[in-house]
Amino acid sequence: MAFVFRVAMQFVALLLSLLGWVLSIITTYLPHWKNLNLDLNEMENWTMGLWQTCVIQEEVGRQCKDFDSFLALPAELRISRILMFLSNGLGFLGLLVSGFGLDCLRIGERQQELKKRLLILGGILFWTAGIAAIVPVSWVAHRTVQEFWDETIPEIVPRWEFGEALFIGWFAGFSLLLGGCLLNCVACSTQAPLASGLYAVAETRCPCLENATAGPKV
């Protein structure tokens, strides 16, 4: 029963981490980190992502333009690109490493200590991937709030607001963190079956040893 529960928790942790990794990739390329609605022209909406800026018009549709230069971007967008790529890469490595450490796989059945270490390493990779996803999203959100309430900007100037990608990125980061925590908790609570097996062998051998060492009854 304990083995079934442990395997189920490993699957839940892996599914949470997989969901967070997929959402992190979507967040990286989704051009909706910031939204801008024009009061003067309600039929035109602007969106901004890490790679391009798009304008949505009812008559023309969506038109997007990629950023010309990486160095010309604001600091939060430059760092966000790097951290999101780091999050995607670490999440992929975490899936590979923790996948080989699952108890349901017959690969390395006699190397339970190695599988336990793989699960712990996978959990740490998921932690790092989650933090790498939360930091850029939170940074861009913080800068958006600062610019929105900046009193030096005239009120007539439109201001950027939160886009859908920020909320997806937060959900992705917390899914990776939760999956990594759950994976490490399951791995650390796992007892080495080899040790219990040796204990059982020793326990079965004790009566034999006692009979051998006991003297003849008078």
N, C-alpha and C. Protein backbone atom coordinates (compact mmCIF):
# COMPACT_ATOMS: atom_id res chain seq x y z
N MET A 1 0.82 -1.21 0.00
CA MET A 1 0.00 0.00 0.00
C MET A 1 0.86 1.26 0.00
N ALA A 2 1.94 1.21 0.79
CA ALA A 2 2.83 2.36 0.84
C ALA A 2 3.52 2.58 -0.50
N PHE A 3 3.84 1.48 -1.18
CA PHE A 3 4.49 1.60 -2.48
C PHE A 3 3.55 2.24 -3.50
N VAL A 4 2.28 1.84 -3.49
CA VAL A 4 1.31 2.42 -4.42
C VAL A 4 1.12 3.91 -4.15
N PHE A 5 1.04 4.29 -2.87
CA PHE A 5 0.89 5.71 -2.53
C PHE A 5 2.11 6.50 -2.96
N ARG A 6 3.31 5.93 -2.78
CA ARG A 6 4.53 6.64 -3.17
C ARG A 6 4.59 6.84 -4.68
N VAL A 7 4.21 5.80 -5.43
CA VAL A 7 4.21 5.92 -6.89
C VAL A 7 3.17 6.95 -7.35
N ALA A 8 2.01 6.96 -6.70
CA ALA A 8 0.96 7.93 -7.07
C ALA A 8 1.43 9.35 -6.81
N MET A 9 2.09 9.59 -5.68
CA MET A 9 2.60 10.92 -5.37
C MET A 9 3.69 11.34 -6.34
N GLN A 10 4.51 10.39 -6.78
CA GLN A 10 5.53 10.71 -7.77
C GLN A 10 4.90 11.12 -9.09
N PHE A 11 3.84 10.43 -9.48
CA PHE A 11 3.15 10.79 -10.72
C PHE A 11 2.50 12.17 -10.60
N VAL A 12 1.89 12.47 -9.46
CA VAL A 12 1.28 13.79 -9.26
C VAL A 12 2.32 14.88 -9.33
N ALA A 13 3.46 14.66 -8.67
CA ALA A 13 4.54 15.66 -8.71
C ALA A 13 5.07 15.85 -10.12
N LEU A 14 5.20 14.73 -10.86
CA LEU A 14 5.72 14.84 -12.23
C LEU A 14 4.71 15.53 -13.14
N LEU A 15 3.42 15.28 -12.95
CA LEU A 15 2.41 15.94 -13.78
C LEU A 15 2.35 17.43 -13.48
N LEU A 16 2.45 17.81 -12.20
CA LEU A 16 2.48 19.23 -11.86
C LEU A 16 3.69 19.92 -12.50
N SER A 17 4.83 19.27 -12.41
CA SER A 17 6.05 19.86 -13.00
C SER A 17 5.94 19.93 -14.51
N LEU A 18 5.36 18.91 -15.13
CA LEU A 18 5.18 18.93 -16.59
C LEU A 18 4.24 20.06 -17.00
N LEU A 19 3.15 20.24 -16.24
CA LEU A 19 2.23 21.35 -16.52
C LEU A 19 2.94 22.70 -16.40
N GLY A 20 3.72 22.86 -15.33
CA GLY A 20 4.45 24.12 -15.15
C GLY A 20 5.46 24.36 -16.25
N TRP A 21 6.13 23.29 -16.70
CA TRP A 21 7.12 23.44 -17.78
C TRP A 21 6.46 23.85 -19.09
N VAL A 22 5.34 23.23 -19.43
CA VAL A 22 4.63 23.58 -20.67
C VAL A 22 4.12 25.03 -20.60
N LEU A 23 3.56 25.42 -19.46
CA LEU A 23 3.07 26.80 -19.32
C LEU A 23 4.22 27.80 -19.35
N SER A 24 5.38 27.40 -18.84
CA SER A 24 6.55 28.28 -18.89
C SER A 24 6.98 28.53 -20.34
N ILE A 25 6.94 27.49 -21.16
CA ILE A 25 7.28 27.66 -22.58
C ILE A 25 6.26 28.57 -23.26
N ILE A 26 4.98 28.37 -22.95
CA ILE A 26 3.94 29.23 -23.54
C ILE A 26 4.13 30.68 -23.12
N THR A 27 4.46 30.88 -21.86
CA THR A 27 4.69 32.26 -21.37
C THR A 27 5.85 32.92 -22.08
N THR A 28 6.89 32.15 -22.37
CA THR A 28 8.08 32.72 -23.01
C THR A 28 7.75 33.34 -24.37
N TYR A 29 6.90 32.68 -25.14
CA TYR A 29 6.65 33.12 -26.52
C TYR A 29 5.31 33.83 -26.69
N LEU A 30 4.52 33.93 -25.64
CA LEU A 30 3.22 34.59 -25.76
C LEU A 30 3.40 36.11 -25.77
N PRO A 31 2.90 36.82 -26.77
CA PRO A 31 3.09 38.29 -26.84
C PRO A 31 2.03 39.05 -26.04
N HIS A 32 1.79 38.62 -24.81
CA HIS A 32 0.78 39.27 -23.98
C HIS A 32 1.31 39.52 -22.57
N TRP A 33 2.54 39.96 -22.47
CA TRP A 33 3.07 40.30 -21.16
C TRP A 33 2.50 41.64 -20.68
N LYS A 34 2.23 42.53 -21.63
CA LYS A 34 1.63 43.83 -21.31
C LYS A 34 0.51 44.11 -22.31
N ASN A 35 -0.53 44.74 -21.82
CA ASN A 35 -1.64 45.16 -22.68
C ASN A 35 -1.84 46.66 -22.57
N LEU A 36 -2.22 47.26 -23.70
CA LEU A 36 -2.46 48.70 -23.74
C LEU A 36 -3.75 48.96 -24.50
N ASN A 37 -4.72 49.55 -23.80
CA ASN A 37 -6.00 49.90 -24.41
C ASN A 37 -6.07 51.42 -24.58
N LEU A 38 -6.32 51.86 -25.79
CA LEU A 38 -6.40 53.29 -26.08
C LEU A 38 -7.82 53.79 -25.87
N ASP A 39 -7.96 54.81 -25.03
CA ASP A 39 -9.29 55.39 -24.80
C ASP A 39 -9.78 56.16 -26.02
N LEU A 40 -8.85 56.74 -26.76
CA LEU A 40 -9.26 57.51 -27.93
C LEU A 40 -9.69 56.62 -29.08
N ASN A 41 -9.16 55.41 -29.12
CA ASN A 41 -9.50 54.49 -30.20
C ASN A 41 -9.72 53.11 -29.58
N GLU A 42 -10.96 52.82 -29.20
CA GLU A 42 -11.27 51.57 -28.52
C GLU A 42 -11.18 50.37 -29.46
N MET A 43 -11.11 50.60 -30.74
CA MET A 43 -11.02 49.50 -31.70
C MET A 43 -9.58 49.03 -31.91
N GLU A 44 -8.65 49.61 -31.17
CA GLU A 44 -7.23 49.28 -31.34
C GLU A 44 -6.63 48.94 -29.99
N ASN A 45 -6.03 47.76 -29.89
CA ASN A 45 -5.37 47.29 -28.67
C ASN A 45 -3.94 46.89 -28.99
N TRP A 46 -3.04 47.21 -28.04
CA TRP A 46 -1.63 46.90 -28.20
C TRP A 46 -1.24 45.84 -27.17
N THR A 47 -0.37 44.94 -27.57
CA THR A 47 0.18 43.94 -26.65
C THR A 47 1.69 43.87 -26.85
N MET A 48 2.38 43.52 -25.78
CA MET A 48 3.85 43.43 -25.82
C MET A 48 4.30 42.15 -25.14
N GLY A 49 5.25 41.47 -25.76
CA GLY A 49 5.86 40.28 -25.19
C GLY A 49 7.37 40.43 -25.11
N LEU A 50 8.04 39.33 -24.94
CA LEU A 50 9.50 39.36 -24.88
C LEU A 50 10.15 39.47 -26.25
N TRP A 51 9.39 39.20 -27.31
CA TRP A 51 9.98 39.14 -28.63
C TRP A 51 9.38 40.12 -29.62
N GLN A 52 8.18 40.56 -29.38
CA GLN A 52 7.51 41.42 -30.37
C GLN A 52 6.41 42.24 -29.72
N THR A 53 5.99 43.25 -30.47
CA THR A 53 4.85 44.09 -30.11
C THR A 53 3.77 43.91 -31.17
N CYS A 54 2.53 43.76 -30.73
CA CYS A 54 1.43 43.52 -31.65
C CYS A 54 0.35 44.57 -31.45
N VAL A 55 -0.33 44.89 -32.53
CA VAL A 55 -1.49 45.76 -32.50
C VAL A 55 -2.66 44.99 -33.10
N ILE A 56 -3.79 45.05 -32.40
CA ILE A 56 -4.99 44.33 -32.82
C ILE A 56 -6.05 45.34 -33.21
N GLN A 57 -6.46 45.31 -34.46
CA GLN A 57 -7.49 46.19 -34.97
C GLN A 57 -8.64 45.35 -35.51
N GLU A 58 -9.85 45.86 -35.33
CA GLU A 58 -11.02 45.09 -35.75
C GLU A 58 -11.08 44.92 -37.26
N GLU A 59 -10.65 45.92 -38.01
CA GLU A 59 -10.74 45.84 -39.46
C GLU A 59 -9.56 45.08 -40.06
N VAL A 60 -8.35 45.34 -39.56
CA VAL A 60 -7.14 44.75 -40.14
C VAL A 60 -6.80 43.41 -39.49
N GLY A 61 -7.08 43.26 -38.20
CA GLY A 61 -6.68 42.06 -37.47
C GLY A 61 -5.40 42.30 -36.68
N ARG A 62 -4.63 41.24 -36.45
CA ARG A 62 -3.41 41.34 -35.67
C ARG A 62 -2.21 41.58 -36.59
N GLN A 63 -1.39 42.55 -36.20
CA GLN A 63 -0.13 42.84 -36.88
C GLN A 63 0.96 42.93 -35.83
N CYS A 64 2.02 42.17 -36.01
CA CYS A 64 3.11 42.09 -35.02
C CYS A 64 4.43 42.51 -35.66
N LYS A 65 5.29 43.08 -34.84
CA LYS A 65 6.62 43.52 -35.28
C LYS A 65 7.62 43.07 -34.24
N ASP A 66 8.64 42.33 -34.69
CA ASP A 66 9.68 41.86 -33.78
C ASP A 66 10.57 43.02 -33.36
N PHE A 67 11.14 42.87 -32.17
CA PHE A 67 12.09 43.88 -31.69
C PHE A 67 13.36 43.82 -32.54
N ASP A 68 13.88 44.98 -32.89
CA ASP A 68 15.03 45.05 -33.79
C ASP A 68 16.33 44.63 -33.11
N SER A 69 16.53 45.05 -31.88
CA SER A 69 17.81 44.82 -31.21
C SER A 69 17.58 44.33 -29.79
N PHE A 70 18.37 43.36 -29.40
CA PHE A 70 18.30 42.85 -28.02
C PHE A 70 18.80 43.89 -27.03
N LEU A 71 19.87 44.60 -27.39
CA LEU A 71 20.46 45.58 -26.48
C LEU A 71 19.58 46.81 -26.31
N ALA A 72 18.70 47.06 -27.28
CA ALA A 72 17.83 48.23 -27.17
C ALA A 72 16.62 48.00 -26.27
N LEU A 73 16.42 46.77 -25.83
CA LEU A 73 15.28 46.46 -24.97
C LEU A 73 15.51 46.98 -23.56
N PRO A 74 14.43 47.21 -22.81
CA PRO A 74 14.60 47.54 -21.38
C PRO A 74 15.25 46.38 -20.63
N ALA A 75 15.84 46.72 -19.49
CA ALA A 75 16.60 45.70 -18.74
C ALA A 75 15.72 44.55 -18.31
N GLU A 76 14.46 44.84 -17.91
CA GLU A 76 13.61 43.76 -17.43
C GLU A 76 13.27 42.76 -18.54
N LEU A 77 13.16 43.24 -19.78
CA LEU A 77 12.86 42.32 -20.88
C LEU A 77 14.09 41.51 -21.28
N ARG A 78 15.27 42.12 -21.23
CA ARG A 78 16.49 41.37 -21.55
C ARG A 78 16.73 40.25 -20.54
N ILE A 79 16.63 40.59 -19.26
CA ILE A 79 16.85 39.57 -18.23
C ILE A 79 15.74 38.53 -18.25
N SER A 80 14.53 38.95 -18.58
CA SER A 80 13.41 38.01 -18.62
C SER A 80 13.61 36.96 -19.69
N ARG A 81 14.14 37.36 -20.84
CA ARG A 81 14.43 36.37 -21.89
C ARG A 81 15.39 35.31 -21.38
N ILE A 82 16.46 35.73 -20.73
CA ILE A 82 17.48 34.80 -20.26
C ILE A 82 16.90 33.87 -19.19
N LEU A 83 16.17 34.44 -18.24
CA LEU A 83 15.63 33.63 -17.15
C LEU A 83 14.55 32.66 -17.63
N MET A 84 13.74 33.07 -18.59
CA MET A 84 12.72 32.16 -19.10
C MET A 84 13.35 31.01 -19.87
N PHE A 85 14.39 31.29 -20.65
CA PHE A 85 15.12 30.20 -21.31
C PHE A 85 15.74 29.26 -20.28
N LEU A 86 16.29 29.84 -19.20
CA LEU A 86 16.86 29.03 -18.14
C LEU A 86 15.80 28.15 -17.48
N SER A 87 14.63 28.72 -17.25
CA SER A 87 13.53 27.96 -16.65
C SER A 87 13.10 26.80 -17.56
N ASN A 88 13.00 27.07 -18.86
CA ASN A 88 12.61 26.00 -19.79
C ASN A 88 13.65 24.88 -19.83
N GLY A 89 14.92 25.26 -19.85
CA GLY A 89 15.97 24.24 -19.89
C GLY A 89 16.05 23.42 -18.61
N LEU A 90 15.97 24.08 -17.46
CA LEU A 90 16.03 23.36 -16.19
C LEU A 90 14.81 22.46 -16.00
N GLY A 91 13.64 22.94 -16.46
CA GLY A 91 12.45 22.10 -16.37
C GLY A 91 12.57 20.84 -17.20
N PHE A 92 13.15 20.98 -18.40
CA PHE A 92 13.35 19.80 -19.26
C PHE A 92 14.32 18.82 -18.62
N LEU A 93 15.43 19.33 -18.06
CA LEU A 93 16.38 18.45 -17.38
C LEU A 93 15.74 17.78 -16.17
N GLY A 94 14.91 18.53 -15.44
CA GLY A 94 14.23 17.95 -14.29
C GLY A 94 13.30 16.82 -14.67
N LEU A 95 12.60 16.96 -15.80
CA LEU A 95 11.72 15.89 -16.26
C LEU A 95 12.52 14.64 -16.64
N LEU A 96 13.66 14.83 -17.30
CA LEU A 96 14.49 13.69 -17.68
C LEU A 96 15.05 12.98 -16.46
N VAL A 97 15.61 13.76 -15.54
CA VAL A 97 16.28 13.16 -14.38
C VAL A 97 15.27 12.45 -13.48
N SER A 98 14.18 13.14 -13.15
CA SER A 98 13.20 12.54 -12.25
C SER A 98 12.46 11.38 -12.92
N GLY A 99 12.34 11.41 -14.25
CA GLY A 99 11.69 10.30 -14.94
C GLY A 99 12.42 8.98 -14.76
N PHE A 100 13.75 9.02 -14.75
CA PHE A 100 14.53 7.81 -14.55
C PHE A 100 14.54 7.36 -13.10
N GLY A 101 14.11 8.24 -12.18
CA GLY A 101 14.09 7.87 -10.77
C GLY A 101 12.76 7.38 -10.26
N LEU A 102 11.76 7.26 -11.13
CA LEU A 102 10.45 6.80 -10.69
C LEU A 102 10.50 5.33 -10.27
N ASP A 103 9.75 5.01 -9.21
CA ASP A 103 9.74 3.64 -8.70
C ASP A 103 9.02 2.67 -9.64
N CYS A 104 8.13 3.20 -10.49
CA CYS A 104 7.38 2.31 -11.38
C CYS A 104 8.24 1.78 -12.52
N LEU A 105 9.39 2.39 -12.78
CA LEU A 105 10.27 1.91 -13.84
C LEU A 105 11.12 0.75 -13.33
N ARG A 106 11.30 -0.23 -14.17
CA ARG A 106 12.11 -1.37 -13.79
C ARG A 106 13.59 -1.15 -14.04
N ILE A 107 13.90 -0.01 -14.61
CA ILE A 107 15.31 0.31 -14.85
C ILE A 107 15.97 0.64 -13.52
N GLY A 108 17.03 -0.06 -13.19
CA GLY A 108 17.75 0.20 -11.95
C GLY A 108 16.98 -0.18 -10.70
N GLU A 109 16.28 -1.32 -10.73
CA GLU A 109 15.51 -1.74 -9.56
C GLU A 109 16.41 -2.03 -8.36
N ARG A 110 17.62 -2.49 -8.62
CA ARG A 110 18.53 -2.82 -7.53
C ARG A 110 19.36 -1.62 -7.08
N GLN A 111 19.16 -0.50 -7.71
CA GLN A 111 19.90 0.73 -7.34
C GLN A 111 18.91 1.77 -6.81
N GLN A 112 18.24 1.43 -5.72
CA GLN A 112 17.22 2.31 -5.16
C GLN A 112 17.82 3.62 -4.62
N GLU A 113 19.03 3.54 -4.11
CA GLU A 113 19.67 4.76 -3.60
C GLU A 113 19.95 5.74 -4.74
N LEU A 114 20.35 5.22 -5.89
CA LEU A 114 20.58 6.08 -7.06
C LEU A 114 19.26 6.70 -7.54
N LYS A 115 18.18 5.93 -7.56
CA LYS A 115 16.89 6.46 -7.99
C LYS A 115 16.39 7.54 -7.02
N LYS A 116 16.67 7.34 -5.75
CA LYS A 116 16.29 8.35 -4.76
C LYS A 116 17.05 9.65 -5.01
N ARG A 117 18.33 9.55 -5.31
CA ARG A 117 19.11 10.75 -5.59
C ARG A 117 18.65 11.44 -6.86
N LEU A 118 18.23 10.65 -7.86
CA LEU A 118 17.71 11.24 -9.10
C LEU A 118 16.42 12.01 -8.82
N LEU A 119 15.56 11.48 -7.98
CA LEU A 119 14.32 12.19 -7.64
C LEU A 119 14.62 13.49 -6.91
N ILE A 120 15.56 13.45 -5.99
CA ILE A 120 15.91 14.67 -5.25
C ILE A 120 16.53 15.70 -6.19
N LEU A 121 17.40 15.25 -7.09
CA LEU A 121 18.00 16.17 -8.06
C LEU A 121 16.94 16.75 -8.98
N GLY A 122 15.98 15.92 -9.42
CA GLY A 122 14.89 16.43 -10.25
C GLY A 122 14.05 17.45 -9.52
N GLY A 123 13.78 17.22 -8.23
CA GLY A 123 13.04 18.20 -7.45
C GLY A 123 13.77 19.53 -7.33
N ILE A 124 15.09 19.47 -7.13
CA ILE A 124 15.88 20.70 -7.05
C ILE A 124 15.86 21.45 -8.38
N LEU A 125 15.93 20.72 -9.48
CA LEU A 125 15.86 21.36 -10.79
C LEU A 125 14.50 22.01 -11.01
N PHE A 126 13.43 21.37 -10.56
CA PHE A 126 12.10 21.97 -10.69
C PHE A 126 11.98 23.23 -9.82
N TRP A 127 12.56 23.19 -8.62
CA TRP A 127 12.59 24.39 -7.78
C TRP A 127 13.25 25.55 -8.51
N THR A 128 14.44 25.28 -9.02
CA THR A 128 15.19 26.34 -9.70
C THR A 128 14.45 26.85 -10.93
N ALA A 129 13.82 25.94 -11.68
CA ALA A 129 13.05 26.35 -12.84
C ALA A 129 11.85 27.21 -12.44
N GLY A 130 11.20 26.85 -11.35
CA GLY A 130 10.07 27.65 -10.88
C GLY A 130 10.48 29.05 -10.45
N ILE A 131 11.59 29.16 -9.74
CA ILE A 131 12.07 30.49 -9.33
C ILE A 131 12.49 31.30 -10.55
N ALA A 132 13.15 30.63 -11.52
CA ALA A 132 13.56 31.34 -12.73
C ALA A 132 12.38 31.81 -13.56
N ALA A 133 11.20 31.20 -13.39
CA ALA A 133 10.01 31.65 -14.10
C ALA A 133 9.27 32.75 -13.34
N ILE A 134 9.27 32.66 -12.02
CA ILE A 134 8.54 33.65 -11.21
C ILE A 134 9.25 35.00 -11.20
N VAL A 135 10.59 34.99 -11.15
CA VAL A 135 11.34 36.24 -11.03
C VAL A 135 11.09 37.19 -12.21
N PRO A 136 11.25 36.77 -13.47
CA PRO A 136 11.03 37.73 -14.57
C PRO A 136 9.58 38.21 -14.66
N VAL A 137 8.63 37.30 -14.41
CA VAL A 137 7.22 37.71 -14.46
C VAL A 137 6.91 38.75 -13.39
N SER A 138 7.43 38.52 -12.19
CA SER A 138 7.20 39.47 -11.10
C SER A 138 7.92 40.79 -11.36
N TRP A 139 9.10 40.72 -11.96
CA TRP A 139 9.84 41.95 -12.26
C TRP A 139 9.09 42.80 -13.27
N VAL A 140 8.62 42.19 -14.35
CA VAL A 140 7.86 42.93 -15.35
C VAL A 140 6.57 43.49 -14.74
N ALA A 141 5.92 42.71 -13.89
CA ALA A 141 4.70 43.20 -13.23
C ALA A 141 5.01 44.38 -12.32
N HIS A 142 6.13 44.32 -11.62
CA HIS A 142 6.52 45.43 -10.74
C HIS A 142 6.80 46.70 -11.55
N ARG A 143 7.51 46.56 -12.65
CA ARG A 143 7.80 47.72 -13.50
C ARG A 143 6.52 48.29 -14.10
N THR A 144 5.57 47.42 -14.45
CA THR A 144 4.31 47.88 -15.01
C THR A 144 3.52 48.69 -13.99
N VAL A 145 3.52 48.24 -12.75
CA VAL A 145 2.81 48.98 -11.68
C VAL A 145 3.49 50.32 -11.44
N GLN A 146 4.82 50.33 -11.43
CA GLN A 146 5.54 51.60 -11.22
C GLN A 146 5.22 52.61 -12.32
N GLU A 147 5.23 52.15 -13.57
CA GLU A 147 4.95 53.05 -14.68
C GLU A 147 3.48 53.47 -14.70
N PHE A 148 2.60 52.61 -14.24
CA PHE A 148 1.17 52.94 -14.25
C PHE A 148 0.86 54.06 -13.27
N TRP A 149 1.53 54.05 -12.11
CA TRP A 149 1.28 55.07 -11.09
C TRP A 149 2.34 56.17 -11.09
N ASP A 150 3.11 56.28 -12.15
CA ASP A 150 4.13 57.32 -12.24
C ASP A 150 3.45 58.68 -12.44
N GLU A 151 3.63 59.56 -11.47
CA GLU A 151 2.97 60.87 -11.52
C GLU A 151 3.64 61.82 -12.50
N THR A 152 4.86 61.51 -12.91
CA THR A 152 5.54 62.39 -13.87
C THR A 152 4.99 62.24 -15.28
N ILE A 153 4.28 61.14 -15.55
CA ILE A 153 3.70 60.92 -16.88
C ILE A 153 2.32 61.60 -16.93
N PRO A 154 2.04 62.38 -17.92
CA PRO A 154 0.72 63.03 -18.02
C PRO A 154 -0.41 62.00 -18.06
N GLU A 155 -1.55 62.37 -17.51
CA GLU A 155 -2.67 61.44 -17.43
C GLU A 155 -3.23 61.08 -18.81
N ILE A 156 -3.01 61.94 -19.79
CA ILE A 156 -3.54 61.66 -21.12
C ILE A 156 -2.78 60.55 -21.83
N VAL A 157 -1.55 60.26 -21.35
CA VAL A 157 -0.72 59.23 -21.98
C VAL A 157 -1.24 57.85 -21.55
N PRO A 158 -1.51 56.96 -22.50
CA PRO A 158 -1.97 55.60 -22.15
C PRO A 158 -0.89 54.84 -21.38
N ARG A 159 -1.33 53.95 -20.50
CA ARG A 159 -0.41 53.19 -19.67
C ARG A 159 -0.60 51.68 -19.90
N TRP A 160 0.53 50.98 -19.82
CA TRP A 160 0.49 49.53 -19.98
C TRP A 160 -0.11 48.89 -18.74
N GLU A 161 -0.80 47.78 -18.94
CA GLU A 161 -1.39 47.01 -17.85
C GLU A 161 -0.95 45.55 -17.95
N PHE A 162 -1.32 44.76 -16.92
CA PHE A 162 -0.93 43.36 -16.90
C PHE A 162 -1.54 42.61 -18.08
N GLY A 163 -0.72 41.74 -18.69
CA GLY A 163 -1.20 40.88 -19.75
C GLY A 163 -1.46 39.47 -19.24
N GLU A 164 -2.08 38.65 -20.08
CA GLU A 164 -2.42 37.30 -19.67
C GLU A 164 -1.18 36.43 -19.42
N ALA A 165 -0.09 36.74 -20.10
CA ALA A 165 1.12 35.92 -19.95
C ALA A 165 1.69 36.01 -18.54
N LEU A 166 1.50 37.13 -17.86
CA LEU A 166 2.02 37.26 -16.50
C LEU A 166 1.33 36.27 -15.57
N PHE A 167 0.02 36.13 -15.68
CA PHE A 167 -0.71 35.20 -14.81
C PHE A 167 -0.37 33.75 -15.16
N ILE A 168 -0.19 33.48 -16.44
CA ILE A 168 0.22 32.12 -16.84
C ILE A 168 1.62 31.82 -16.30
N GLY A 169 2.51 32.82 -16.34
CA GLY A 169 3.86 32.61 -15.83
C GLY A 169 3.88 32.38 -14.34
N TRP A 170 3.05 33.11 -13.58
CA TRP A 170 2.98 32.87 -12.13
C TRP A 170 2.48 31.46 -11.85
N PHE A 171 1.44 31.04 -12.57
CA PHE A 171 0.91 29.69 -12.37
C PHE A 171 1.95 28.64 -12.74
N ALA A 172 2.71 28.89 -13.80
CA ALA A 172 3.75 27.94 -14.21
C ALA A 172 4.84 27.84 -13.15
N GLY A 173 5.28 28.97 -12.63
CA GLY A 173 6.33 28.95 -11.61
C GLY A 173 5.90 28.23 -10.34
N PHE A 174 4.69 28.51 -9.87
CA PHE A 174 4.23 27.86 -8.64
C PHE A 174 3.95 26.37 -8.87
N SER A 175 3.55 25.99 -10.07
CA SER A 175 3.38 24.56 -10.38
C SER A 175 4.72 23.84 -10.33
N LEU A 176 5.75 24.46 -10.88
CA LEU A 176 7.08 23.86 -10.82
C LEU A 176 7.59 23.76 -9.39
N LEU A 177 7.37 24.81 -8.60
CA LEU A 177 7.79 24.77 -7.20
C LEU A 177 7.04 23.69 -6.42
N LEU A 178 5.73 23.61 -6.61
CA LEU A 178 4.94 22.61 -5.90
C LEU A 178 5.32 21.20 -6.32
N GLY A 179 5.53 21.01 -7.63
CA GLY A 179 5.95 19.69 -8.10
C GLY A 179 7.31 19.29 -7.55
N GLY A 180 8.26 20.24 -7.50
CA GLY A 180 9.57 19.94 -6.94
C GLY A 180 9.52 19.63 -5.46
N CYS A 181 8.71 20.39 -4.71
CA CYS A 181 8.57 20.13 -3.27
C CYS A 181 7.97 18.76 -3.01
N LEU A 182 6.92 18.43 -3.75
CA LEU A 182 6.27 17.14 -3.56
C LEU A 182 7.20 15.99 -3.94
N LEU A 183 7.97 16.18 -4.99
CA LEU A 183 8.90 15.14 -5.42
C LEU A 183 9.99 14.91 -4.38
N ASN A 184 10.51 15.99 -3.80
CA ASN A 184 11.55 15.85 -2.78
C ASN A 184 10.99 15.25 -1.50
N CYS A 185 9.75 15.62 -1.14
CA CYS A 185 9.15 15.04 0.07
C CYS A 185 8.96 13.54 -0.09
N VAL A 186 8.50 13.11 -1.26
CA VAL A 186 8.32 11.67 -1.49
C VAL A 186 9.66 10.96 -1.49
N ALA A 187 10.68 11.57 -2.10
CA ALA A 187 11.99 10.93 -2.18
C ALA A 187 12.64 10.83 -0.80
N CYS A 188 12.52 11.88 0.00
CA CYS A 188 13.16 11.87 1.31
C CYS A 188 12.45 10.95 2.30
N SER A 189 11.16 10.71 2.10
CA SER A 189 10.42 9.82 2.99
C SER A 189 10.52 8.37 2.57
N THR A 190 11.20 8.11 1.46
CA THR A 190 11.34 6.74 0.97
C THR A 190 12.43 6.02 1.75
N GLN A 191 12.11 4.87 2.28
CA GLN A 191 13.10 4.06 2.97
C GLN A 191 13.75 3.10 1.99
N ALA A 192 15.01 2.92 2.17
CA ALA A 192 15.73 2.01 1.27
C ALA A 192 15.26 0.58 1.48
N PRO A 193 14.71 -0.05 0.45
CA PRO A 193 14.23 -1.42 0.60
C PRO A 193 15.33 -2.42 0.90
N LEU A 194 16.57 -2.07 0.53
CA LEU A 194 17.69 -2.98 0.78
C LEU A 194 17.93 -3.14 2.27
N ALA A 195 17.82 -2.01 3.00
CA ALA A 195 18.05 -2.05 4.44
C ALA A 195 16.99 -2.89 5.13
N SER A 196 15.72 -2.73 4.75
CA SER A 196 14.65 -3.52 5.34
C SER A 196 14.81 -5.00 5.01
N GLY A 197 15.30 -5.28 3.79
CA GLY A 197 15.53 -6.67 3.41
C GLY A 197 16.60 -7.32 4.26
N LEU A 198 17.69 -6.60 4.53
CA LEU A 198 18.74 -7.13 5.38
C LEU A 198 18.24 -7.36 6.79
N TYR A 199 17.37 -6.45 7.24
CA TYR A 199 16.82 -6.59 8.59
C TYR A 199 15.95 -7.85 8.68
N ALA A 200 15.17 -8.08 7.62
CA ALA A 200 14.31 -9.26 7.60
C ALA A 200 15.14 -10.54 7.57
N VAL A 201 16.23 -10.53 6.78
CA VAL A 201 17.10 -11.70 6.71
C VAL A 201 17.74 -11.99 8.06
N ALA A 202 18.19 -10.90 8.71
CA ALA A 202 18.80 -11.07 10.03
C ALA A 202 17.80 -11.60 11.03
N GLU A 203 16.54 -11.13 10.88
CA GLU A 203 15.51 -11.54 11.82
C GLU A 203 15.19 -13.02 11.66
N THR A 204 15.19 -13.51 10.41
CA THR A 204 14.89 -14.92 10.18
C THR A 204 16.04 -15.83 10.58
N ARG A 205 17.24 -15.28 10.60
CA ARG A 205 18.39 -16.10 10.94
C ARG A 205 18.60 -16.19 12.45
N CYS A 206 17.99 -15.33 13.21
CA CYS A 206 18.23 -15.31 14.65
C CYS A 206 17.84 -16.61 15.33
N PRO A 207 16.66 -17.19 15.03
CA PRO A 207 16.33 -18.45 15.70
C PRO A 207 17.32 -19.56 15.41
N CYS A 208 17.82 -19.62 14.19
CA CYS A 208 18.80 -20.65 13.85
C CYS A 208 20.07 -20.48 14.67
N LEU A 209 20.49 -19.22 14.81
CA LEU A 209 21.71 -18.95 15.57
C LEU A 209 21.51 -19.32 17.05
N GLU A 210 20.29 -19.03 17.53
CA GLU A 210 20.03 -19.33 18.93
C GLU A 210 20.06 -20.85 19.18
N ASN A 211 19.48 -21.61 18.22
CA ASN A 211 19.47 -23.07 18.37
C ASN A 211 20.88 -23.64 18.29
N ALA A 212 21.70 -23.01 17.45
CA ALA A 212 23.06 -23.52 17.31
C ALA A 212 23.92 -23.24 18.52
N THR A 213 23.70 -22.06 19.12
CA THR A 213 24.54 -21.68 20.27
C THR A 213 24.00 -22.22 21.57
N ALA A 214 22.72 -22.63 21.59
CA ALA A 214 22.17 -23.12 22.86
C ALA A 214 22.76 -24.50 23.20
N GLY A 215 23.06 -24.71 24.46
CA GLY A 215 23.64 -25.96 24.87
C GLY A 215 22.59 -27.05 24.98
N PRO A 216 23.01 -28.30 25.07
CA PRO A 216 22.06 -29.42 25.21
C PRO A 216 21.34 -29.35 26.54
N LYS A 217 20.05 -29.63 26.50
CA LYS A 217 19.27 -29.62 27.72
C LYS A 217 19.56 -30.88 28.55
N VAL A 218 19.67 -30.72 29.89
CA VAL A 218 19.94 -31.82 30.79
C VAL A 218 18.63 -32.35 31.36
